[in-house]
C-alpha atoms as a PDB file:
ATOM      1  CA  UNK A   1     -15.839 -55.008  10.984  1.00  0.00           C
ATOM      2  CA  UNK A   2     -15.309 -55.526  14.733  1.00  0.00           C
ATOM      3  CA  UNK A   3     -16.959 -53.036  17.074  1.00  0.00           C
ATOM      4  CA  UNK A   4     -14.761 -52.438  20.098  1.00  0.00           C
ATOM      5  CA  UNK A   5     -15.720 -51.018  23.480  1.00  0.00           C
ATOM      6  CA  UNK A   6     -13.049 -49.726  25.863  1.00  0.00           C
ATOM      7  CA  UNK A   7     -13.931 -49.891  29.565  1.00  0.00           C
ATOM      8  CA  UNK A   8     -12.194 -48.527  32.660  1.00  0.00           C
ATOM      9  CA  UNK A   9     -12.171 -49.938  36.222  1.00  0.00           C
ATOM     10  CA  UNK A  10     -13.367 -48.302  39.428  1.00  0.00           C
ATOM     11  CA  UNK A  11     -12.213 -48.215  43.025  1.00  0.00           C
ATOM     12  CA  UNK A  12     -10.978 -51.524  44.420  1.00  0.00           C
ATOM     13  CA  UNK A  13      -8.793 -52.300  41.374  1.00  0.00           C
ATOM     14  CA  UNK A  14      -5.711 -50.627  42.899  1.00  0.00           C
ATOM     15  CA  UNK A  15      -2.510 -52.527  43.686  1.00  0.00           C
ATOM     16  CA  UNK A  16       0.944 -51.305  44.642  1.00  0.00           C
ATOM     17  CA  UNK A  17       3.130 -51.461  41.505  1.00  0.00           C
ATOM     18  CA  UNK A  18       0.340 -50.623  39.066  1.00  0.00           C
ATOM     19  CA  UNK A  19       1.423 -48.663  35.997  1.00  0.00           C
ATOM     20  CA  UNK A  20       5.155 -49.315  36.536  1.00  0.00           C
ATOM     21  CA  UNK A  21       5.686 -51.431  33.425  1.00  0.00           C
ATOM     22  CA  UNK A  22       3.864 -48.809  31.297  1.00  0.00           C
ATOM     23  CA  UNK A  23       6.039 -45.959  32.585  1.00  0.00           C
ATOM     24  CA  UNK A  24       9.260 -47.977  32.218  1.00  0.00           C
ATOM     25  CA  UNK A  25       8.488 -48.766  28.579  1.00  0.00           C
ATOM     26  CA  UNK A  26       6.686 -45.710  27.265  1.00  0.00           C
ATOM     27  CA  UNK A  27       7.353 -41.956  27.370  1.00  0.00           C
ATOM     28  CA  UNK A  28       3.614 -41.498  26.734  1.00  0.00           C
ATOM     29  CA  UNK A  29       2.776 -43.189  30.057  1.00  0.00           C
ATOM     30  CA  UNK A  30       5.534 -41.284  31.835  1.00  0.00           C
ATOM     31  CA  UNK A  31       4.024 -38.003  30.597  1.00  0.00           C
ATOM     32  CA  UNK A  32       0.588 -38.978  31.996  1.00  0.00           C
ATOM     33  CA  UNK A  33       2.105 -39.666  35.431  1.00  0.00           C
ATOM     34  CA  UNK A  34       4.028 -36.379  35.333  1.00  0.00           C
ATOM     35  CA  UNK A  35       0.856 -34.478  34.436  1.00  0.00           C
ATOM     36  CA  UNK A  36      -1.004 -36.078  37.363  1.00  0.00           C
ATOM     37  CA  UNK A  37       1.847 -35.297  39.779  1.00  0.00           C
ATOM     38  CA  UNK A  38       1.912 -31.714  38.571  1.00  0.00           C
ATOM     39  CA  UNK A  39      -1.885 -31.257  38.802  1.00  0.00           C
ATOM     40  CA  UNK A  40      -2.035 -32.634  42.360  1.00  0.00           C
ATOM     41  CA  UNK A  41       1.381 -31.517  43.701  1.00  0.00           C
ATOM     42  CA  UNK A  42       2.220 -35.097  44.692  1.00  0.00           C
ATOM     43  CA  UNK A  43       4.516 -37.848  43.393  1.00  0.00           C
ATOM     44  CA  UNK A  44       2.118 -40.151  41.523  1.00  0.00           C
ATOM     45  CA  UNK A  45       4.847 -42.614  40.496  1.00  0.00           C
ATOM     46  CA  UNK A  46       5.911 -43.086  44.117  1.00  0.00           C
ATOM     47  CA  UNK A  47       2.271 -43.490  45.226  1.00  0.00           C
ATOM     48  CA  UNK A  48       1.432 -46.129  42.581  1.00  0.00           C
ATOM     49  CA  UNK A  49       4.744 -47.993  42.447  1.00  0.00           C
ATOM     50  CA  UNK A  50       5.742 -48.018  46.126  1.00  0.00           C
ATOM     51  CA  UNK A  51       2.544 -47.363  48.088  1.00  0.00           C
ATOM     52  CA  UNK A  52       2.438 -48.201  50.971  1.00  0.00           C
ATOM     53  CA  UNK A  53      -0.859 -49.990  50.464  1.00  0.00           C
ATOM     54  CA  UNK A  54      -2.670 -48.168  53.303  1.00  0.00           C
ATOM     55  CA  UNK A  55      -1.781 -44.799  51.706  1.00  0.00           C
ATOM     56  CA  UNK A  56      -2.899 -45.990  48.278  1.00  0.00           C
ATOM     57  CA  UNK A  57      -6.130 -47.321  49.812  1.00  0.00           C
ATOM     58  CA  UNK A  58      -7.219 -43.883  51.071  1.00  0.00           C
ATOM     59  CA  UNK A  59     -10.113 -42.906  48.807  1.00  0.00           C
ATOM     60  CA  UNK A  60      -8.699 -39.509  47.898  1.00  0.00           C
ATOM     61  CA  UNK A  61      -5.471 -41.205  46.741  1.00  0.00           C
ATOM     62  CA  UNK A  62      -7.027 -44.311  45.210  1.00  0.00           C
ATOM     63  CA  UNK A  63      -9.257 -42.421  42.805  1.00  0.00           C
ATOM     64  CA  UNK A  64      -6.621 -40.226  41.105  1.00  0.00           C
ATOM     65  CA  UNK A  65      -4.122 -43.130  41.134  1.00  0.00           C
ATOM     66  CA  UNK A  66      -6.483 -45.518  39.287  1.00  0.00           C
ATOM     67  CA  UNK A  67      -7.473 -42.771  36.844  1.00  0.00           C
ATOM     68  CA  UNK A  68      -3.795 -42.043  36.105  1.00  0.00           C
ATOM     69  CA  UNK A  69      -2.965 -45.706  35.422  1.00  0.00           C
ATOM     70  CA  UNK A  70      -6.105 -46.120  33.287  1.00  0.00           C
ATOM     71  CA  UNK A  71      -5.320 -43.098  31.100  1.00  0.00           C
ATOM     72  CA  UNK A  72      -1.665 -44.139  30.811  1.00  0.00           C
ATOM     73  CA  UNK A  73      -2.803 -47.614  29.647  1.00  0.00           C
ATOM     74  CA  UNK A  74      -5.336 -46.055  27.258  1.00  0.00           C
ATOM     75  CA  UNK A  75      -2.849 -43.635  25.686  1.00  0.00           C
ATOM     76  CA  UNK A  76      -0.058 -46.184  25.263  1.00  0.00           C
ATOM     77  CA  UNK A  77      -2.529 -48.768  23.896  1.00  0.00           C
ATOM     78  CA  UNK A  78      -3.962 -46.220  21.428  1.00  0.00           C
ATOM     79  CA  UNK A  79      -0.493 -45.211  20.245  1.00  0.00           C
ATOM     80  CA  UNK A  80       0.872 -48.742  19.885  1.00  0.00           C
ATOM     81  CA  UNK A  81      -2.214 -50.605  18.647  1.00  0.00           C
ATOM     82  CA  UNK A  82      -4.163 -47.823  16.928  1.00  0.00           C
ATOM     83  CA  UNK A  83      -7.653 -49.265  17.546  1.00  0.00           C
ATOM     84  CA  UNK A  84     -10.581 -46.851  17.674  1.00  0.00           C
ATOM     85  CA  UNK A  85     -13.415 -47.791  20.057  1.00  0.00           C
ATOM     86  CA  UNK A  86     -17.063 -47.501  19.024  1.00  0.00           C
ATOM     87  CA  UNK A  87     -18.107 -46.992  22.684  1.00  0.00           C
ATOM     88  CA  UNK A  88     -16.532 -46.110  26.020  1.00  0.00           C
ATOM     89  CA  UNK A  89     -17.687 -46.783  29.584  1.00  0.00           C
ATOM     90  CA  UNK A  90     -16.234 -46.925  33.086  1.00  0.00           C
ATOM     91  CA  UNK A  91     -17.377 -48.362  36.404  1.00  0.00           C
ATOM     92  CA  UNK A  92     -18.075 -45.494  38.853  1.00  0.00           C
ATOM     93  CA  UNK A  93     -14.722 -43.675  39.045  1.00  0.00           C
ATOM     94  CA  UNK A  94     -13.886 -45.312  35.680  1.00  0.00           C
ATOM     95  CA  UNK A  95     -16.484 -43.123  33.978  1.00  0.00           C
ATOM     96  CA  UNK A  96     -14.040 -40.205  34.368  1.00  0.00           C
ATOM     97  CA  UNK A  97     -11.415 -42.129  32.379  1.00  0.00           C
ATOM     98  CA  UNK A  98     -14.034 -42.813  29.685  1.00  0.00           C
ATOM     99  CA  UNK A  99     -14.869 -39.084  29.541  1.00  0.00           C
ATOM    100  CA  UNK A 100     -11.164 -38.156  29.272  1.00  0.00           C
ATOM    101  CA  UNK A 101     -10.746 -40.708  26.453  1.00  0.00           C
ATOM    102  CA  UNK A 102     -13.801 -39.187  24.727  1.00  0.00           C
ATOM    103  CA  UNK A 103     -12.298 -35.695  24.889  1.00  0.00           C
ATOM    104  CA  UNK A 104     -14.880 -34.289  27.332  1.00  0.00           C
ATOM    105  CA  UNK A 105     -12.411 -33.530  30.154  1.00  0.00           C
ATOM    106  CA  UNK A 106      -8.758 -32.587  30.039  1.00  0.00           C
ATOM    107  CA  UNK A 107      -6.853 -35.256  31.992  1.00  0.00           C
ATOM    108  CA  UNK A 108      -5.410 -32.756  34.500  1.00  0.00           C
ATOM    109  CA  UNK A 109      -8.933 -31.490  35.280  1.00  0.00           C
ATOM    110  CA  UNK A 110     -10.293 -35.017  35.695  1.00  0.00           C
ATOM    111  CA  UNK A 111      -7.473 -36.125  37.993  1.00  0.00           C
ATOM    112  CA  UNK A 112      -8.030 -33.052  40.179  1.00  0.00           C
ATOM    113  CA  UNK A 113     -11.807 -33.697  40.190  1.00  0.00           C
ATOM    114  CA  UNK A 114     -11.513 -37.315  41.321  1.00  0.00           C
ATOM    115  CA  UNK A 115      -9.068 -36.389  44.093  1.00  0.00           C
ATOM    116  CA  UNK A 116     -11.752 -33.986  45.377  1.00  0.00           C
ATOM    117  CA  UNK A 117     -14.476 -36.580  44.732  1.00  0.00           C
ATOM    118  CA  UNK A 118     -12.621 -39.087  46.916  1.00  0.00           C
ATOM    119  CA  UNK A 119     -12.141 -36.494  49.647  1.00  0.00           C
ATOM    120  CA  UNK A 120     -15.813 -35.415  49.596  1.00  0.00           C
ATOM    121  CA  UNK A 121     -17.041 -39.021  49.639  1.00  0.00           C
ATOM    122  CA  UNK A 122     -14.799 -39.801  52.608  1.00  0.00           C
ATOM    123  CA  UNK A 123     -15.929 -36.696  54.499  1.00  0.00           C
ATOM    124  CA  UNK A 124     -19.649 -37.270  53.838  1.00  0.00           C
ATOM    125  CA  UNK A 125     -19.906 -40.090  56.388  1.00  0.00           C
ATOM    126  CA  UNK A 126     -17.689 -40.637  59.479  1.00  0.00           C
ATOM    127  CA  UNK A 127     -15.553 -43.808  59.246  1.00  0.00           C
ATOM    128  CA  UNK A 128     -17.373 -46.783  60.770  1.00  0.00           C
ATOM    129  CA  UNK A 129     -20.895 -45.368  60.270  1.00  0.00           C
ATOM    130  CA  UNK A 130     -21.359 -46.761  56.762  1.00  0.00           C
ATOM    131  CA  UNK A 131     -20.776 -50.146  55.138  1.00  0.00           C
ATOM    132  CA  UNK A 132     -21.095 -52.025  51.859  1.00  0.00           C
ATOM    133  CA  UNK A 133     -21.688 -55.707  51.090  1.00  0.00           C
ATOM    134  CA  UNK A 134     -21.957 -57.853  47.963  1.00  0.00           C
ATOM    135  CA  UNK A 135     -25.085 -60.003  47.723  1.00  0.00           C
ATOM    136  CA  UNK A 136     -24.601 -63.046  45.485  1.00  0.00           C
ATOM    137  CA  UNK A 137     -27.247 -65.260  43.990  1.00  0.00           C
ATOM    138  CA  UNK A 138     -30.411 -63.162  44.229  1.00  0.00           C
ATOM    139  CA  UNK A 139     -32.266 -61.297  41.448  1.00  0.00           C
ATOM    140  CA  UNK A 140     -31.807 -57.504  41.405  1.00  0.00           C
ATOM    141  CA  UNK A 141     -35.441 -56.703  42.151  1.00  0.00           C
ATOM    142  CA  UNK A 142     -35.373 -59.015  45.184  1.00  0.00           C
ATOM    143  CA  UNK A 143     -32.289 -57.189  46.572  1.00  0.00           C
ATOM    144  CA  UNK A 144     -33.998 -53.822  46.017  1.00  0.00           C
ATOM    145  CA  UNK A 145     -37.062 -55.073  47.900  1.00  0.00           C
ATOM    146  CA  UNK A 146     -34.877 -56.345  50.773  1.00  0.00           C
ATOM    147  CA  UNK A 147     -33.139 -52.941  51.052  1.00  0.00           C
ATOM    148  CA  UNK A 148     -36.512 -51.197  51.374  1.00  0.00           C
ATOM    149  CA  UNK A 149     -37.552 -53.637  54.101  1.00  0.00           C
ATOM    150  CA  UNK A 150     -34.237 -53.472  56.012  1.00  0.00           C
ATOM    151  CA  UNK A 151     -33.945 -49.668  56.064  1.00  0.00           C
ATOM    152  CA  UNK A 152     -36.161 -49.053  59.150  1.00  0.00           C
ATOM    153  CA  UNK A 153     -35.468 -45.328  59.010  1.00  0.00           C
ATOM    154  CA  UNK A 154     -31.777 -45.783  58.092  1.00  0.00           C
ATOM    155  CA  UNK A 155     -30.280 -45.810  54.599  1.00  0.00           C
ATOM    156  CA  UNK A 156     -29.491 -48.998  52.680  1.00  0.00           C
ATOM    157  CA  UNK A 157     -29.526 -48.899  48.872  1.00  0.00           C
ATOM    158  CA  UNK A 158     -28.455 -51.083  45.955  1.00  0.00           C
ATOM    159  CA  UNK A 159     -25.131 -49.465  44.947  1.00  0.00           C
ATOM    160  CA  UNK A 160     -23.872 -51.566  42.033  1.00  0.00           C
ATOM    161  CA  UNK A 161     -25.853 -53.862  39.775  1.00  0.00           C
ATOM    162  CA  UNK A 162     -22.673 -55.625  38.628  1.00  0.00           C
ATOM    163  CA  UNK A 163     -23.936 -58.726  36.853  1.00  0.00           C
ATOM    164  CA  UNK A 164     -26.881 -61.121  37.054  1.00  0.00           C
ATOM    165  CA  UNK A 165     -26.906 -62.361  40.658  1.00  0.00           C
ATOM    166  CA  UNK A 166     -24.300 -59.883  41.927  1.00  0.00           C
ATOM    167  CA  UNK A 167     -25.602 -56.723  43.584  1.00  0.00           C
ATOM    168  CA  UNK A 168     -23.616 -54.553  46.000  1.00  0.00           C
ATOM    169  CA  UNK A 169     -25.584 -52.783  48.748  1.00  0.00           C
ATOM    170  CA  UNK A 170     -24.513 -49.665  50.644  1.00  0.00           C
ATOM    171  CA  UNK A 171     -25.638 -47.456  53.521  1.00  0.00           C
ATOM    172  CA  UNK A 172     -25.685 -47.294  57.322  1.00  0.00           C
ATOM    173  CA  UNK A 173     -23.735 -50.200  58.836  1.00  0.00           C
ATOM    174  CA  UNK A 174     -26.666 -51.635  60.853  1.00  0.00           C
ATOM    175  CA  UNK A 175     -29.067 -51.396  57.908  1.00  0.00           C
ATOM    176  CA  UNK A 176     -26.566 -53.125  55.603  1.00  0.00           C
ATOM    177  CA  UNK A 177     -26.219 -55.922  58.182  1.00  0.00           C
ATOM    178  CA  UNK A 178     -30.026 -56.246  58.466  1.00  0.00           C
ATOM    179  CA  UNK A 179     -30.317 -56.400  54.666  1.00  0.00           C
ATOM    180  CA  UNK A 180     -27.547 -59.028  54.559  1.00  0.00           C
ATOM    181  CA  UNK A 181     -29.402 -61.205  57.067  1.00  0.00           C
ATOM    182  CA  UNK A 182     -32.664 -60.875  55.099  1.00  0.00           C
ATOM    183  CA  UNK A 183     -30.819 -61.708  51.864  1.00  0.00           C
ATOM    184  CA  UNK A 184     -29.478 -64.925  53.401  1.00  0.00           C
ATOM    185  CA  UNK A 185     -32.992 -65.842  54.572  1.00  0.00           C
ATOM    186  CA  UNK A 186     -34.239 -65.206  51.021  1.00  0.00           C
ATOM    187  CA  UNK A 187     -31.690 -67.695  49.657  1.00  0.00           C
ATOM    188  CA  UNK A 188     -28.632 -65.593  48.750  1.00  0.00           C
ATOM    189  CA  UNK A 189     -25.613 -67.833  48.102  1.00  0.00           C
ATOM    190  CA  UNK A 190     -23.315 -65.433  49.928  1.00  0.00           C
ATOM    191  CA  UNK A 191     -23.247 -61.993  51.504  1.00  0.00           C
ATOM    192  CA  UNK A 192     -19.710 -60.594  51.544  1.00  0.00           C
ATOM    193  CA  UNK A 193     -18.919 -57.450  53.580  1.00  0.00           C
ATOM    194  CA  UNK A 194     -16.589 -55.190  51.539  1.00  0.00           C
ATOM    195  CA  UNK A 195     -13.578 -53.480  53.062  1.00  0.00           C
ATOM    196  CA  UNK A 196     -14.409 -49.928  52.002  1.00  0.00           C
ATOM    197  CA  UNK A 197     -14.001 -46.668  53.868  1.00  0.00           C
ATOM    198  CA  UNK A 198     -17.421 -45.175  53.018  1.00  0.00           C
ATOM    199  CA  UNK A 199     -20.909 -46.233  51.799  1.00  0.00           C
ATOM    200  CA  UNK A 200     -20.451 -45.300  48.115  1.00  0.00           C
ATOM    201  CA  UNK A 201     -23.402 -44.897  45.738  1.00  0.00           C
ATOM    202  CA  UNK A 202     -25.958 -44.599  48.533  1.00  0.00           C
ATOM    203  CA  UNK A 203     -28.201 -41.685  49.514  1.00  0.00           C
ATOM    204  CA  UNK A 204     -25.627 -40.886  52.246  1.00  0.00           C
ATOM    205  CA  UNK A 205     -23.355 -39.531  49.478  1.00  0.00           C
ATOM    206  CA  UNK A 206     -25.745 -36.781  48.295  1.00  0.00           C
ATOM    207  CA  UNK A 207     -23.770 -34.015  49.998  1.00  0.00           C
ATOM    208  CA  UNK A 208     -20.535 -35.245  48.386  1.00  0.00           C
ATOM    209  CA  UNK A 209     -22.247 -34.967  44.989  1.00  0.00           C
ATOM    210  CA  UNK A 210     -23.291 -31.372  45.655  1.00  0.00           C
ATOM    211  CA  UNK A 211     -19.748 -30.417  46.653  1.00  0.00           C
ATOM    212  CA  UNK A 212     -18.385 -32.141  43.545  1.00  0.00           C
ATOM    213  CA  UNK A 213     -20.737 -30.096  41.344  1.00  0.00           C
ATOM    214  CA  UNK A 214     -18.898 -26.886  42.283  1.00  0.00           C
ATOM    215  CA  UNK A 215     -15.584 -28.440  41.213  1.00  0.00           C
ATOM    216  CA  UNK A 216     -16.895 -29.829  37.907  1.00  0.00           C
ATOM    217  CA  UNK A 217     -18.578 -26.561  36.949  1.00  0.00           C
ATOM    218  CA  UNK A 218     -15.165 -24.885  36.932  1.00  0.00           C
ATOM    219  CA  UNK A 219     -13.941 -27.031  34.000  1.00  0.00           C
ATOM    220  CA  UNK A 220     -14.184 -26.602  30.281  1.00  0.00           C
ATOM    221  CA  UNK A 221     -16.259 -29.348  28.675  1.00  0.00           C
ATOM    222  CA  UNK A 222     -14.991 -30.581  25.311  1.00  0.00           C
ATOM    223  CA  UNK A 223     -16.927 -32.205  22.488  1.00  0.00           C
ATOM    224  CA  UNK A 224     -17.588 -35.923  22.992  1.00  0.00           C
ATOM    225  CA  UNK A 225     -15.738 -37.681  20.161  1.00  0.00           C
ATOM    226  CA  UNK A 226     -16.838 -41.244  21.057  1.00  0.00           C
ATOM    227  CA  UNK A 227     -20.155 -42.176  22.721  1.00  0.00           C
ATOM    228  CA  UNK A 228     -19.821 -42.783  26.481  1.00  0.00           C
ATOM    229  CA  UNK A 229     -22.349 -44.973  28.305  1.00  0.00           C
ATOM    230  CA  UNK A 230     -23.359 -43.337  31.608  1.00  0.00           C
ATOM    231  CA  UNK A 231     -23.508 -45.343  34.878  1.00  0.00           C
ATOM    232  CA  UNK A 232     -26.716 -43.647  35.992  1.00  0.00           C
ATOM    233  CA  UNK A 233     -28.797 -44.526  32.904  1.00  0.00           C
ATOM    234  CA  UNK A 234     -26.798 -47.373  31.291  1.00  0.00           C
ATOM    235  CA  UNK A 235     -27.321 -45.495  28.015  1.00  0.00           C
ATOM    236  CA  UNK A 236     -25.002 -43.313  25.936  1.00  0.00           C
ATOM    237  CA  UNK A 237     -24.936 -39.632  26.901  1.00  0.00           C
ATOM    238  CA  UNK A 238     -27.160 -37.660  24.552  1.00  0.00           C
ATOM    239  CA  UNK A 239     -25.096 -34.477  24.846  1.00  0.00           C
ATOM    240  CA  UNK A 240     -22.209 -32.920  26.764  1.00  0.00           C
ATOM    241  CA  UNK A 241     -24.769 -30.891  28.766  1.00  0.00           C
ATOM    242  CA  UNK A 242     -25.712 -34.073  30.633  1.00  0.00           C
ATOM    243  CA  UNK A 243     -22.179 -34.821  31.847  1.00  0.00           C
ATOM    244  CA  UNK A 244     -21.995 -32.711  35.014  1.00  0.00           C
ATOM    245  CA  UNK A 245     -25.560 -33.417  36.251  1.00  0.00           C
ATOM    246  CA  UNK A 246     -25.035 -37.166  35.678  1.00  0.00           C
ATOM    247  CA  UNK A 247     -21.656 -37.243  37.444  1.00  0.00           C
ATOM    248  CA  UNK A 248     -23.174 -35.389  40.409  1.00  0.00           C
ATOM    249  CA  UNK A 249     -26.039 -37.887  40.526  1.00  0.00           C
ATOM    250  CA  UNK A 250     -23.678 -40.840  40.050  1.00  0.00           C
ATOM    251  CA  UNK A 251     -22.089 -40.285  43.496  1.00  0.00           C
ATOM    252  CA  UNK A 252     -25.318 -41.225  45.320  1.00  0.00           C
ATOM    253  CA  UNK A 253     -27.010 -43.404  42.646  1.00  0.00           C
ATOM    254  CA  UNK A 254     -26.469 -47.050  41.712  1.00  0.00           C
ATOM    255  CA  UNK A 255     -23.985 -48.049  39.021  1.00  0.00           C
ATOM    256  CA  UNK A 256     -26.032 -49.937  36.411  1.00  0.00           C
ATOM    257  CA  UNK A 257     -23.202 -52.106  35.091  1.00  0.00           C
ATOM    258  CA  UNK A 258     -25.208 -55.216  34.203  1.00  0.00           C
ATOM    259  CA  UNK A 259     -27.517 -52.943  32.189  1.00  0.00           C
ATOM    260  CA  UNK A 260     -24.460 -51.250  30.594  1.00  0.00           C
ATOM    261  CA  UNK A 261     -23.251 -54.633  29.316  1.00  0.00           C
ATOM    262  CA  UNK A 262     -26.778 -55.303  28.024  1.00  0.00           C
ATOM    263  CA  UNK A 263     -26.737 -51.912  26.242  1.00  0.00           C
ATOM    264  CA  UNK A 264     -23.385 -52.729  24.620  1.00  0.00           C
ATOM    265  CA  UNK A 265     -24.720 -56.020  23.356  1.00  0.00           C
ATOM    266  CA  UNK A 266     -27.755 -54.187  21.934  1.00  0.00           C
ATOM    267  CA  UNK A 267     -25.474 -51.640  20.222  1.00  0.00           C
ATOM    268  CA  UNK A 268     -23.597 -54.427  18.459  1.00  0.00           C
ATOM    269  CA  UNK A 269     -20.340 -54.328  20.425  1.00  0.00           C
ATOM    270  CA  UNK A 270     -18.294 -57.434  19.532  1.00  0.00           C
ATOM    271  CA  UNK A 271     -15.181 -57.135  21.701  1.00  0.00           C
ATOM    272  CA  UNK A 272     -14.213 -55.439  24.964  1.00  0.00           C
ATOM    273  CA  UNK A 273     -10.863 -54.098  26.162  1.00  0.00           C
ATOM    274  CA  UNK A 274     -10.445 -53.216  29.851  1.00  0.00           C
ATOM    275  CA  UNK A 275      -7.742 -50.558  30.329  1.00  0.00           C
ATOM    276  CA  UNK A 276      -6.262 -49.976  33.778  1.00  0.00           C
ATOM    277  CA  UNK A 277      -5.473 -51.961  36.918  1.00  0.00           C
ATOM    278  CA  UNK A 278      -7.220 -55.231  37.800  1.00  0.00           C
ATOM    279  CA  UNK A 279      -9.472 -57.556  35.810  1.00  0.00           C
ATOM    280  CA  UNK A 280     -12.793 -57.001  37.580  1.00  0.00           C
ATOM    281  CA  UNK A 281     -14.704 -55.737  34.534  1.00  0.00           C
ATOM    282  CA  UNK A 282     -13.241 -58.416  32.252  1.00  0.00           C
ATOM    283  CA  UNK A 283     -14.558 -60.997  34.712  1.00  0.00           C
ATOM    284  CA  UNK A 284     -18.037 -59.432  34.722  1.00  0.00           C
ATOM    285  CA  UNK A 285     -18.159 -59.345  30.899  1.00  0.00           C
ATOM    286  CA  UNK A 286     -17.003 -62.964  30.691  1.00  0.00           C
ATOM    287  CA  UNK A 287     -19.730 -64.115  33.052  1.00  0.00           C
ATOM    288  CA  UNK A 288     -22.337 -61.980  31.288  1.00  0.00           C
ATOM    289  CA  UNK A 289     -21.559 -63.042  27.709  1.00  0.00           C
ATOM    290  CA  UNK A 290     -18.431 -65.004  26.739  1.00  0.00           C
ATOM    291  CA  UNK A 291     -18.613 -63.759  23.148  1.00  0.00           C
ATOM    292  CA  UNK A 292     -17.333 -60.322  24.259  1.00  0.00           C
ATOM    293  CA  UNK A 293     -13.958 -62.114  24.781  1.00  0.00           C
ATOM    294  CA  UNK A 294     -12.734 -59.307  27.066  1.00  0.00           C
ATOM    295  CA  UNK A 295      -9.023 -58.493  27.236  1.00  0.00           C
ATOM    296  CA  UNK A 296      -7.409 -56.853  30.258  1.00  0.00           C
ATOM    297  CA  UNK A 297      -4.609 -54.351  29.527  1.00  0.00           C
ATOM    298  CA  UNK A 298      -2.646 -53.546  32.684  1.00  0.00           C
ATOM    299  CA  UNK A 299       1.004 -53.667  31.613  1.00  0.00           C
ATOM    300  CA  UNK A 300       3.156 -52.849  28.603  1.00  0.00           C
ATOM    301  CA  UNK A 301       3.581 -56.609  28.072  1.00  0.00           C
ATOM    302  CA  UNK A 302      -0.218 -56.954  27.779  1.00  0.00           C
ATOM    303  CA  UNK A 303      -0.162 -54.408  24.946  1.00  0.00           C
ATOM    304  CA  UNK A 304       2.630 -56.240  23.109  1.00  0.00           C
ATOM    305  CA  UNK A 305       0.755 -59.549  23.474  1.00  0.00           C
ATOM    306  CA  UNK A 306      -2.506 -57.977  22.271  1.00  0.00           C
ATOM    307  CA  UNK A 307      -0.789 -56.477  19.222  1.00  0.00           C
ATOM    308  CA  UNK A 308       0.705 -59.862  18.319  1.00  0.00           C
ATOM    309  CA  UNK A 309      -2.679 -61.575  18.631  1.00  0.00           C
ATOM    310  CA  UNK A 310      -4.263 -58.976  16.310  1.00  0.00           C
ATOM    311  CA  UNK A 311      -1.522 -59.470  13.716  1.00  0.00           C
ATOM    312  CA  UNK A 312      -2.095 -63.232  13.844  1.00  0.00           C
END
């Protein structure tokens, strides 16, 4: 019997037009978009389908928009295909989609929370003060060591351990640049500055996490029906009591995605389905272990194709 994991993308996966084919073909997806629009008093269809891109790219819009598309994809996929996952996980923001799918958060609560999360993260550091960069071709421990050396009283932290040889760093702009230079000296294949509006998953985000805690504590927490693997530990949550503390910590802690994939392999996951915009996580799984044969579900057509392949 195949063990499936469903995974959900994080910030950076957004594109204008995302979710349109789902809404045009499924009342289930349309209902998700309507619920998001209602919860946030904004037109989510217009935001996702028409943009403009610079509006969609604002963190406090990006986060609820990606969550909405991910949950629409998840609900339509579940209805049409009827597969039950053994595990759920999401990259950063994507963890909220995993927790909605697991029954921990009501969708309207989660979409409100991530709108606030985006706002708090943006407000934590003035634009231009922080930066992020992807370091390719160095071992994780080497990148961690370089960050410690480059800090010089500023903040620069590993933010995402995405896959072997791909670590994203985050913090004060100058410190990130110093770390990038040291990484190149140490033999990194490439250091790519990321076009982000804030230094996510660094110690500079601590205040944003504290503000988020007040929002999350106002929600009802449901029973977790499917195990969710947490970003902060790369292990399944042991109980619902851990959810809020971990999500607060997640804002200023690294995302252990490489370790999450390792955990899934250890738990006997055979196949992976990525639900939501973009194919970033599918790419990471492919590079990590081809046998996961990840499938990206972004459109209604993807669901139809997937269903046909299962029947074959």
